[in-house]
Amino acid sequence: MIDPLSRRDWLKAVGAAGAGALTPPVPPGLAPGVSTDPGRKSGAPQILPLTSTSEVFVPPRGRAFQKFSFDFPEPSVEFAGLKFGFLVFSRENAYGLDASRMTAAETTEGLEVRASGLVWAGGQERVSGRVIARLRSEGDAVLWDVTAEMDQPIKAVTTVLRGVPRGKLSNGGAEPVRPQGQRGAVGLSVRRRRLVRR
C-alpha cells in the first residue's frame, strides 16, 4: 500500500515545483543568499540553511508554545556538537539572521558569528540590524554571549539550540531539570548563556 501524502507535504512539493521555475538555481545544501566561496577553507565554520521546521516534529509533540505556522529562516552554525541559531524579538515582530549577510569564524576562544542584517515575514523582508554571538567551551559547558542592535527597542534575543541530548538541562548553574515533551524549553538570561551537559 502506498503511504498517503499529507496535505502539508503536498503543498510543499507543489509550491516548490511552481517556485522552482521562477528562482535561480541554488547549490544543494545551501539556502538562497548563502554563497559558495571557492576560497573557503575545508575546516572553516559553515552557515547551515535551517528553518523553524528543520529537525523538529511538525506539528510539535508534547508541550510547545508560540510556534510559527510557516518556515521561518533560522540559519545556524555548528559548535561543540550543537547547532546554534538566533532570533531577535521587538515589541511588534520576530527577526531572524539574514543568511546572505552572515559570517562565522573560528577564534582563539571558540567561534564568532556575525550578521549585519535581519529578516522578517518568513524571510521575505529585510531590515537593518546587527547580531554578534561568541561561543566557547569550558570543560563540559558551552557558553555564549549574544549582542543585538536594531533601530527599535529589542524585547528579547532567543538562542535556538539543536542537537541537545535528552536528559537534564541546567539554566545558568541552577539545579538541572528534565524538560517535559519532545523539545525542552529552558529560559536563559539574555546576556550570558550556559549549557551544562549532565
Protein backbone atom coordinates (compact mmCIF):
# COMPACT_ATOMS: atom_id res chain seq x y z
CA MET A 1 0.00 0.00 0.00
CA ILE A 2 1.25 3.49 -0.85
CA ASP A 3 1.67 5.83 2.13
CA PRO A 4 -0.77 8.74 1.93
CA LEU A 5 0.80 12.13 1.33
CA SER A 6 -0.13 14.70 3.96
CA ARG A 7 -1.68 17.98 2.86
CA ARG A 8 1.34 19.90 4.22
CA ASP A 9 3.81 17.72 2.27
CA TRP A 10 1.70 18.03 -0.90
CA LEU A 11 1.59 21.83 -0.59
CA LYS A 12 5.36 21.99 -0.04
CA ALA A 13 6.04 19.80 -3.08
CA VAL A 14 3.63 21.65 -5.38
CA GLY A 15 4.81 25.06 -4.14
CA ALA A 16 8.47 24.13 -4.58
CA ALA A 17 7.86 22.83 -8.09
CA GLY A 18 6.00 26.01 -9.08
CA ALA A 19 8.51 28.35 -7.47
CA GLY A 20 11.46 26.43 -8.91
CA ALA A 21 10.74 27.79 -12.36
CA LEU A 22 10.93 31.37 -11.06
CA THR A 23 14.09 31.22 -8.95
CA PRO A 24 17.73 30.86 -9.97
CA PRO A 25 19.33 27.51 -9.11
CA VAL A 26 20.79 27.17 -5.63
CA PRO A 27 23.61 24.71 -4.90
CA PRO A 28 22.33 21.69 -2.93
CA GLY A 29 22.51 22.14 0.83
CA LEU A 30 22.70 25.93 0.79
CA ALA A 31 19.97 28.46 1.46
CA PRO A 32 19.36 31.21 -1.06
CA GLY A 33 21.81 34.03 -0.34
CA VAL A 34 24.47 31.78 1.23
CA SER A 35 27.39 31.95 -1.17
CA THR A 36 29.67 29.09 -2.11
CA ASP A 37 33.05 30.68 -1.58
CA PRO A 38 35.69 28.72 -3.53
CA GLY A 39 38.36 30.20 -1.24
CA ARG A 40 36.67 28.78 1.87
CA LYS A 41 38.98 26.55 3.90
CA SER A 42 37.73 23.00 4.33
CA GLY A 43 37.62 23.28 8.15
CA ALA A 44 36.04 26.74 8.33
CA PRO A 45 32.63 27.08 10.02
CA GLN A 46 29.66 26.80 7.68
CA ILE A 47 26.31 28.62 7.82
CA LEU A 48 23.62 25.91 7.87
CA PRO A 49 20.41 26.82 5.97
CA LEU A 50 17.92 25.71 8.64
CA THR A 51 14.34 26.88 9.20
CA SER A 52 11.97 26.78 12.16
CA THR A 53 10.70 23.36 10.98
CA SER A 54 14.14 21.80 10.38
CA GLU A 55 14.88 18.73 12.52
CA VAL A 56 11.73 19.13 14.65
CA PHE A 57 8.33 17.48 14.78
CA VAL A 58 5.61 19.41 12.93
CA PRO A 59 3.09 19.64 14.46
CA PRO A 60 5.02 19.59 17.75
CA ARG A 61 4.62 16.69 20.12
CA GLY A 62 4.38 17.39 23.83
CA ARG A 63 4.30 20.89 25.24
CA ALA A 64 5.03 23.63 22.70
CA PHE A 65 4.23 27.31 22.60
CA GLN A 66 4.42 30.26 20.24
CA LYS A 67 5.37 28.25 17.16
CA PHE A 68 5.40 29.89 13.73
CA SER A 69 2.88 28.39 11.33
CA PHE A 70 5.37 28.72 8.44
CA ASP A 71 9.05 28.03 7.77
CA PHE A 72 10.90 30.92 9.42
CA PRO A 73 14.63 31.17 8.49
CA GLU A 74 16.96 30.10 11.31
CA PRO A 75 20.44 29.98 9.73
CA SER A 76 22.68 28.23 12.22
CA VAL A 77 26.28 27.24 12.93
CA GLU A 78 27.63 24.07 14.46
CA PHE A 79 29.77 24.29 17.60
CA ALA A 80 30.70 21.64 20.19
CA GLY A 81 28.26 19.14 18.68
CA LEU A 82 25.31 21.57 18.85
CA LYS A 83 23.65 23.75 16.22
CA PHE A 84 23.15 27.40 17.25
CA GLY A 85 20.66 29.80 15.66
CA PHE A 86 19.45 33.16 16.92
CA LEU A 87 16.20 35.17 16.78
CA VAL A 88 15.64 38.79 17.79
CA PHE A 89 12.24 39.96 19.07
CA SER A 90 10.97 43.54 19.15
CA ARG A 91 7.61 44.55 20.63
CA GLU A 92 5.94 44.05 17.23
CA ASN A 93 7.90 41.40 15.34
CA ALA A 94 10.33 38.47 15.23
CA TYR A 95 13.55 38.70 13.22
CA GLY A 96 15.95 36.04 12.01
CA LEU A 97 19.53 36.49 10.88
CA ASP A 98 19.98 37.28 7.19
CA ALA A 99 21.98 34.28 5.92
CA SER A 100 23.31 36.29 2.97
CA ARG A 101 24.88 38.76 5.43
CA MET A 102 26.24 36.24 7.96
CA THR A 103 29.80 35.15 8.68
CA ALA A 104 31.23 32.59 11.08
CA ALA A 105 34.89 32.49 12.06
CA GLU A 106 36.93 30.44 14.46
CA THR A 107 38.61 32.44 17.21
CA THR A 108 41.20 31.53 19.83
CA GLU A 109 38.36 31.05 22.35
CA GLY A 110 35.84 29.29 20.09
CA LEU A 111 33.57 30.66 17.38
CA GLU A 112 32.24 34.11 16.46
CA VAL A 113 29.05 34.53 14.41
CA ARG A 114 28.19 37.91 12.86
CA ALA A 115 25.09 39.04 11.00
CA SER A 116 24.92 42.54 9.53
CA GLY A 117 21.24 42.31 8.65
CA LEU A 118 17.97 40.71 9.78
CA VAL A 119 14.95 39.22 8.02
CA TRP A 120 11.26 39.08 8.95
CA ALA A 121 7.96 37.95 7.38
CA GLY A 122 9.36 34.46 6.98
CA GLY A 123 12.49 35.81 5.30
CA GLN A 124 10.59 37.85 2.69
CA GLU A 125 11.54 41.27 4.11
CA ARG A 126 14.87 42.68 5.31
CA VAL A 127 15.69 45.23 7.98
CA SER A 128 18.90 46.79 9.28
CA GLY A 129 20.32 45.34 12.45
CA ARG A 130 23.34 43.53 13.78
CA VAL A 131 23.91 40.40 15.86
CA ILE A 132 27.23 39.15 17.20
CA ALA A 133 27.43 35.81 19.02
CA ARG A 134 30.59 34.50 20.65
CA LEU A 135 30.59 30.79 21.54
CA ARG A 136 33.15 28.93 23.63
CA SER A 137 33.63 25.74 25.64
CA GLU A 138 34.81 25.48 29.24
CA GLY A 139 35.18 21.89 30.35
CA ASP A 140 31.81 20.17 29.89
CA ALA A 141 29.98 23.51 29.49
CA VAL A 142 29.19 25.51 26.37
CA LEU A 143 28.91 29.26 26.94
CA TRP A 144 27.83 32.05 24.61
CA ASP A 145 27.30 35.79 24.64
CA VAL A 146 24.95 37.48 22.19
CA THR A 147 24.83 41.17 21.34
CA ALA A 148 21.99 42.51 19.18
CA GLU A 149 21.38 46.02 17.80
CA MET A 150 18.38 47.45 15.94
CA ASP A 151 16.81 50.83 15.22
CA GLN A 152 13.96 49.92 17.59
CA PRO A 153 13.76 48.55 21.13
CA ILE A 154 14.68 44.87 21.47
CA LYS A 155 12.44 42.84 23.73
CA ALA A 156 14.38 39.54 23.72
CA VAL A 157 17.06 37.52 21.96
CA THR A 158 16.46 33.79 21.63
CA THR A 159 19.04 31.09 21.04
CA VAL A 160 17.72 28.14 19.07
CA LEU A 161 19.67 25.01 20.03
CA ARG A 162 19.54 21.79 18.05
CA GLY A 163 21.26 18.56 18.99
CA VAL A 164 20.76 18.84 22.75
CA PRO A 165 20.77 15.26 24.07
CA ARG A 166 17.74 14.09 26.02
CA GLY A 167 18.20 14.41 29.74
CA LYS A 168 18.50 17.09 32.36
CA LEU A 169 19.35 20.70 31.47
CA SER A 170 20.80 23.36 33.72
CA ASN A 171 19.97 27.05 33.34
CA GLY A 172 22.99 29.19 34.25
CA GLY A 173 24.22 26.88 37.00
CA ALA A 174 20.77 26.25 38.51
CA GLU A 175 19.65 22.79 39.56
CA PRO A 176 19.34 20.53 36.46
CA VAL A 177 15.76 19.76 35.42
CA ARG A 178 14.25 17.29 32.96
CA PRO A 179 12.11 19.16 30.39
CA GLN A 180 8.76 17.62 29.52
CA GLY A 181 7.74 16.74 25.95
CA GLN A 182 9.86 16.34 22.83
CA ARG A 183 11.53 19.76 22.94
CA GLY A 184 12.69 21.23 26.21
CA ALA A 185 12.30 24.94 26.70
CA VAL A 186 14.64 26.42 29.28
CA GLY A 187 14.65 30.17 29.85
CA LEU A 188 18.13 31.64 29.70
CA SER A 189 19.39 35.08 30.62
CA VAL A 190 19.82 37.49 27.70
CA ARG A 191 23.45 38.48 28.29
CA ARG A 192 25.12 35.22 29.22
CA ARG A 193 24.06 31.71 28.42
CA ARG A 194 25.50 28.48 29.75
CA LEU A 195 24.54 24.94 28.83
CA VAL A 196 25.87 22.19 31.07
CA ARG A 197 25.55 18.59 29.95
CA ARG A 198 24.99 16.03 32.71
